Amino acid sequence: MTADIIDGKAFAATVRGKVGEHVARLKEQGITPGLAVVLVGEDPASQVYVRNKGKQTLEVGMASFEHKLDASTSEEDLLALIEKLNADPAVHGILCQLPVPDHINADKVLAAIDPAKDVDGFHISNVGLLATGQKAMVPCTPLGCLMMLRDKLGSLSGLNAVVVGRSNIVGKPMAQLLLRDSATVTIAHSRTKDIEALCRTADIVVAAVGRAEMVSADWIKPGATVIDVGINRVPNGEKTRLVGDVDFASASQVAGAITPVPGGVGPMTIACLLANTVTACCRANGLAEPEGLTA
């Protein structure tokens, strides 16, 4: 058996298309969703992310506000900028690109963002709302994973799901989203005993642990759906190549469906950032939330 490959690139294009349609409808009512991205310093990977986010924001018809600050910018100045963006009615979503320079407290910065504009879903208020099953801004990567799972499987109700990894950014919110869809959820991590046997019980495996090709074929129940969130660089001759947390070559012979790396979960993250911005805009204006773009 060879698994169905879940094409994240194509799926993300569909999500962006839905976002663009909703933005067009909002513009007819005189409302333009706006996303502000703040980048402090010159981290090369962050610069690429910010450039892609700005480009895709404009492509779907939204307003893009980019704030590129020098690496020496003080924490006080950064917090003052966030306060200004919180108060700006043209800005519906605020994202501060991580990592920030060492002299800035990232937790303090995330806590300063208005929870209603927190399109990354990292504010403690949104974390608490998600955990208690209330309306929240949801982190982009887990939201993208959920969308792909719903698309592939329909209802998740009653399915056994194992989330490998307990990070605040992916593992924990992913588990909360699966619970909301009535899956039976276990979070596995570095201290989990007999993790391989546990994963073999799962109809859904979400690997988000940051260890290259850790999850092998003998961890996967035949026919299970595997979502690989990992992005790891491994040596490839004189260069490097990208691999996930799942050994794709072997796991794809056992799984029913699987996301590749690259081209799986990755493209969904920016698409869901755009979706979150539209959702935040609709909520700010007391309008119905976009169908199929929320958790």
Protein backbone atom coordinates (compact mmCIF):
# COMPACT_ATOMS: atom_id res chain seq x y z
CA MET A 1 0.00 0.00 0.00
CA THR A 2 1.25 3.49 -0.83
CA ALA A 3 -0.17 6.46 1.03
CA ASP A 4 -2.13 9.32 -0.51
CA ILE A 5 0.18 12.33 -0.50
CA ILE A 6 -1.51 15.36 1.09
CA ASP A 7 -0.42 18.26 -1.11
CA GLY A 8 -0.02 21.19 1.28
CA LYS A 9 0.98 23.55 -1.51
CA ALA A 10 -2.25 22.96 -3.45
CA PHE A 11 -4.34 23.01 -0.28
CA ALA A 12 -2.77 26.32 0.81
CA ALA A 13 -3.57 27.80 -2.62
CA THR A 14 -7.22 26.80 -2.09
CA VAL A 15 -7.23 28.45 1.37
CA ARG A 16 -5.69 31.63 -0.05
CA GLY A 17 -8.37 31.60 -2.76
CA LYS A 18 -11.11 31.45 -0.11
CA VAL A 19 -9.39 34.25 1.83
CA GLY A 20 -9.20 36.38 -1.33
CA GLU A 21 -12.92 35.87 -2.02
CA HIS A 22 -13.83 36.89 1.53
CA VAL A 23 -11.53 39.93 1.38
CA ALA A 24 -13.26 41.01 -1.85
CA ARG A 25 -16.67 40.78 -0.12
CA LEU A 26 -15.38 42.81 2.85
CA LYS A 27 -13.98 45.46 0.52
CA GLU A 28 -17.42 45.84 -1.05
CA GLN A 29 -18.56 46.90 2.44
CA GLY A 30 -15.69 49.38 2.69
CA ILE A 31 -13.56 47.18 4.97
CA THR A 32 -9.98 46.13 4.11
CA PRO A 33 -8.37 43.58 6.44
CA GLY A 34 -4.88 44.69 7.47
CA LEU A 35 -1.91 42.65 8.70
CA ALA A 36 1.07 44.26 10.45
CA VAL A 37 4.31 42.28 10.60
CA VAL A 38 7.13 43.46 12.86
CA LEU A 39 10.69 42.24 12.25
CA VAL A 40 13.49 43.17 14.63
CA GLY A 41 17.02 42.53 13.34
CA GLU A 42 18.27 40.76 10.25
CA ASP A 43 17.84 37.04 10.84
CA PRO A 44 18.03 35.62 7.27
CA ALA A 45 15.25 33.03 7.71
CA SER A 46 12.98 35.62 9.34
CA GLN A 47 13.59 38.04 6.47
CA VAL A 48 12.45 35.38 3.96
CA TYR A 49 9.33 34.60 6.04
CA VAL A 50 8.42 38.27 6.35
CA ARG A 51 8.93 38.88 2.63
CA ASN A 52 6.67 35.89 1.78
CA LYS A 53 4.02 37.01 4.27
CA GLY A 54 3.98 40.53 2.84
CA LYS A 55 3.75 39.25 -0.73
CA GLN A 56 0.90 36.81 -0.01
CA THR A 57 -0.97 39.41 2.08
CA LEU A 58 -1.08 41.77 -0.89
CA GLU A 59 -1.95 38.96 -3.32
CA VAL A 60 -5.22 38.23 -1.47
CA GLY A 61 -6.12 41.93 -1.46
CA MET A 62 -5.34 42.74 2.16
CA ALA A 63 -3.38 45.73 3.44
CA SER A 64 0.19 44.88 4.47
CA PHE A 65 2.04 46.96 7.08
CA GLU A 66 5.70 45.99 7.47
CA HIS A 67 7.83 47.38 10.29
CA LYS A 68 11.50 46.42 9.95
CA LEU A 69 13.42 47.54 13.00
CA ASP A 70 17.15 47.62 13.65
CA ALA A 71 18.60 44.82 15.82
CA SER A 72 19.56 47.45 18.41
CA THR A 73 15.92 48.61 18.84
CA SER A 74 15.07 48.77 22.54
CA GLU A 75 12.35 46.66 24.12
CA GLU A 76 10.64 49.90 25.14
CA ASP A 77 10.51 51.13 21.52
CA LEU A 78 9.19 47.79 20.28
CA LEU A 79 6.44 47.76 22.91
CA ALA A 80 5.54 51.36 21.98
CA LEU A 81 5.14 50.29 18.32
CA ILE A 82 2.90 47.38 19.33
CA GLU A 83 0.78 49.73 21.45
CA LYS A 84 0.39 51.98 18.39
CA LEU A 85 -0.63 49.02 16.19
CA ASN A 86 -3.11 47.83 18.86
CA ALA A 87 -4.82 51.23 18.64
CA ASP A 88 -4.82 51.41 14.80
CA PRO A 89 -8.26 50.43 13.39
CA ALA A 90 -6.71 49.67 9.97
CA VAL A 91 -4.65 46.87 11.56
CA HIS A 92 -6.63 43.69 12.33
CA GLY A 93 -3.70 41.32 12.81
CA ILE A 94 -0.30 41.86 14.45
CA LEU A 95 2.60 39.45 14.18
CA CYS A 96 6.02 39.97 15.73
CA GLN A 97 8.44 37.68 13.92
CA LEU A 98 10.40 35.44 16.30
CA PRO A 99 13.15 35.14 17.31
CA VAL A 100 13.76 38.66 18.62
CA PRO A 101 17.25 39.81 19.72
CA ASP A 102 18.42 38.59 23.14
CA HIS A 103 17.95 41.94 24.90
CA ILE A 104 14.19 41.80 24.20
CA ASN A 105 11.86 39.59 26.27
CA ALA A 106 9.77 37.71 23.68
CA ASP A 107 7.09 36.75 26.25
CA LYS A 108 6.62 40.40 27.18
CA VAL A 109 6.25 41.34 23.51
CA LEU A 110 3.68 38.61 22.81
CA ALA A 111 1.75 39.61 25.95
CA ALA A 112 1.61 43.24 24.73
CA ILE A 113 -0.30 42.34 21.53
CA ASP A 114 -4.06 42.85 21.75
CA PRO A 115 -5.46 39.25 21.97
CA ALA A 116 -8.10 40.14 19.35
CA LYS A 117 -5.27 41.03 16.91
CA ASP A 118 -3.00 38.14 17.93
CA VAL A 119 -3.12 36.27 14.60
CA ASP A 120 -0.30 33.96 15.76
CA GLY A 121 -2.53 32.72 18.60
CA PHE A 122 0.33 32.90 21.12
CA HIS A 123 -1.17 35.37 23.65
CA ILE A 124 -1.89 33.71 26.99
CA SER A 125 -5.55 34.79 26.72
CA ASN A 126 -5.94 32.94 23.42
CA VAL A 127 -4.14 29.91 24.82
CA GLY A 128 -6.60 29.84 27.74
CA LEU A 129 -9.64 30.38 25.51
CA LEU A 130 -8.58 27.54 23.21
CA ALA A 131 -7.96 25.22 26.18
CA THR A 132 -11.45 25.90 27.57
CA GLY A 133 -13.19 25.44 24.22
CA GLN A 134 -14.04 29.10 23.70
CA LYS A 135 -13.63 31.37 20.68
CA ALA A 136 -9.92 32.12 20.29
CA MET A 137 -7.30 33.11 17.77
CA VAL A 138 -5.69 29.76 16.93
CA PRO A 139 -1.97 29.22 16.12
CA CYS A 140 -1.49 29.00 12.35
CA THR A 141 0.40 25.72 12.01
CA PRO A 142 -2.01 23.59 14.09
CA LEU A 143 -4.95 25.29 12.33
CA GLY A 144 -3.45 24.26 8.96
CA CYS A 145 -3.00 20.68 10.19
CA LEU A 146 -6.63 20.59 11.37
CA MET A 147 -7.90 21.87 8.02
CA MET A 148 -5.96 19.16 6.16
CA LEU A 149 -7.20 16.43 8.52
CA ARG A 150 -10.84 17.52 8.15
CA ASP A 151 -10.43 17.62 4.38
CA LYS A 152 -8.91 14.14 4.24
CA LEU A 153 -11.01 12.37 6.90
CA GLY A 154 -14.23 14.36 7.21
CA SER A 155 -15.33 13.90 10.84
CA LEU A 156 -12.53 13.30 13.37
CA SER A 157 -15.04 12.25 16.04
CA GLY A 158 -13.97 9.14 17.94
CA LEU A 159 -10.66 8.73 16.12
CA ASN A 160 -7.50 8.02 18.15
CA ALA A 161 -4.91 10.78 17.69
CA VAL A 162 -1.34 10.88 18.97
CA VAL A 163 0.50 14.21 18.92
CA VAL A 164 4.26 13.66 19.19
CA GLY A 165 5.69 16.81 20.81
CA ARG A 166 4.37 19.12 23.51
CA SER A 167 5.48 22.58 22.39
CA ASN A 168 3.31 25.61 23.09
CA ILE A 169 3.44 26.54 19.40
CA VAL A 170 2.29 23.24 17.86
CA GLY A 171 1.90 20.21 20.16
CA LYS A 172 -0.39 21.58 22.86
CA PRO A 173 -2.70 23.67 20.63
CA MET A 174 -2.89 20.79 18.13
CA ALA A 175 -4.10 18.50 20.91
CA GLN A 176 -6.73 21.07 21.96
CA LEU A 177 -8.02 21.41 18.38
CA LEU A 178 -8.28 17.63 17.97
CA LEU A 179 -10.16 17.41 21.27
CA ARG A 180 -12.56 20.09 20.05
CA ASP A 181 -13.31 17.89 17.04
CA SER A 182 -14.03 14.99 19.45
CA ALA A 183 -10.93 12.92 18.70
CA THR A 184 -9.39 10.93 21.56
CA VAL A 185 -6.03 12.57 22.07
CA THR A 186 -2.71 11.55 23.61
CA ILE A 187 0.33 13.82 23.73
CA ALA A 188 3.60 11.89 23.50
CA HIS A 189 7.02 13.37 24.27
CA SER A 190 10.62 12.55 25.15
CA ARG A 191 9.64 10.85 28.44
CA THR A 192 6.80 8.76 27.00
CA LYS A 193 7.32 5.04 27.59
CA ASP A 194 7.05 2.74 24.57
CA ILE A 195 6.22 5.64 22.28
CA GLU A 196 6.35 3.40 19.21
CA ALA A 197 3.55 1.14 20.53
CA LEU A 198 1.49 4.19 21.50
CA CYS A 199 1.76 5.67 17.99
CA ARG A 200 0.71 2.32 16.50
CA THR A 201 -2.70 2.72 18.20
CA ALA A 202 -3.35 6.02 16.40
CA ASP A 203 -5.66 6.72 13.47
CA ILE A 204 -3.96 10.15 13.30
CA VAL A 205 -0.30 10.85 14.07
CA VAL A 206 0.88 14.47 14.20
CA ALA A 207 4.67 14.61 14.49
CA ALA A 208 5.96 17.93 15.83
CA VAL A 209 9.07 17.08 17.79
CA GLY A 210 11.96 18.58 15.79
CA ARG A 211 13.97 15.36 15.36
CA ALA A 212 14.81 14.32 11.81
CA GLU A 213 12.97 11.21 10.61
CA MET A 214 12.31 9.99 14.17
CA VAL A 215 8.93 8.42 13.36
CA SER A 216 9.52 5.33 11.24
CA ALA A 217 7.15 2.97 9.43
CA ASP A 218 6.91 0.55 12.36
CA TRP A 219 5.38 3.37 14.46
CA ILE A 220 2.46 3.72 12.05
CA LYS A 221 -0.79 1.76 12.10
CA PRO A 222 -1.62 0.62 8.54
CA GLY A 223 -3.95 3.16 6.95
CA ALA A 224 -3.33 5.91 9.55
CA THR A 225 -3.15 9.58 8.53
CA VAL A 226 0.25 11.14 9.25
CA ILE A 227 0.81 14.89 9.52
CA ASP A 228 4.51 15.80 9.62
CA VAL A 229 5.16 19.26 11.07
CA GLY A 230 8.94 18.85 11.33
CA ILE A 231 11.41 20.84 9.26
CA ASN A 232 14.96 19.58 9.76
CA ARG A 233 18.10 20.15 7.71
CA VAL A 234 20.27 17.06 7.30
CA PRO A 235 23.56 16.58 5.41
CA ASN A 236 23.20 15.68 1.74
CA GLY A 237 26.66 15.35 0.24
CA GLU A 238 28.26 18.78 0.47
CA LYS A 239 24.87 20.45 0.86
CA THR A 240 21.83 19.85 3.09
CA ARG A 241 18.28 18.75 2.42
CA LEU A 242 15.01 19.25 4.25
CA VAL A 243 13.34 16.31 5.97
CA GLY A 244 10.49 16.03 8.44
CA ASP A 245 10.10 14.27 11.78
CA VAL A 246 8.75 11.24 9.91
CA ASP A 247 10.79 8.86 7.76
CA PHE A 248 8.69 9.61 4.69
CA ALA A 249 10.09 6.87 2.44
CA SER A 250 9.13 4.04 4.78
CA ALA A 251 6.07 5.57 6.47
CA SER A 252 4.41 6.33 3.13
CA GLN A 253 4.34 2.58 2.44
CA VAL A 254 2.19 1.99 5.55
CA ALA A 255 0.11 5.14 6.12
CA GLY A 256 -3.21 5.80 4.40
CA ALA A 257 -2.31 9.47 3.87
CA ILE A 258 0.78 11.53 4.69
CA THR A 259 2.14 15.05 4.30
CA PRO A 260 5.55 15.42 2.63
CA VAL A 261 8.40 17.71 3.73
CA PRO A 262 8.79 20.12 2.08
CA GLY A 263 5.39 20.86 0.52
CA GLY A 264 3.10 19.62 3.28
CA VAL A 265 2.33 21.59 6.43
CA GLY A 266 4.77 24.45 5.65
CA PRO A 267 2.74 26.28 2.96
CA MET A 268 -0.37 26.10 5.19
CA THR A 269 1.16 28.26 7.92
CA ILE A 270 1.12 31.54 5.96
CA ALA A 271 -2.26 30.65 4.39
CA CYS A 272 -3.71 30.24 7.89
CA LEU A 273 -2.09 33.50 9.02
CA LEU A 274 -4.07 35.23 6.25
CA ALA A 275 -7.20 33.31 7.27
CA ASN A 276 -6.72 34.39 10.90
CA THR A 277 -6.38 38.04 9.82
CA VAL A 278 -9.70 37.87 7.95
CA THR A 279 -11.30 36.18 10.98
CA ALA A 280 -9.96 38.92 13.28
CA CYS A 281 -11.27 41.58 10.89
CA CYS A 282 -14.75 40.02 10.81
CA ARG A 283 -14.85 39.77 14.60
CA ALA A 284 -13.71 43.39 14.98
CA ASN A 285 -16.56 44.51 12.72
CA GLY A 286 -19.23 42.23 14.19
CA LEU A 287 -19.55 40.26 10.95
CA ALA A 288 -20.02 36.53 10.34
CA GLU A 289 -16.73 34.64 10.39
CA PRO A 290 -15.43 33.20 7.10
CA GLU A 291 -16.69 29.68 6.53
CA GLY A 292 -14.06 26.96 6.31
CA LEU A 293 -11.24 29.25 7.50
CA THR A 294 -11.61 28.87 11.27
CA ALA A 295 -11.28 26.09 13.83
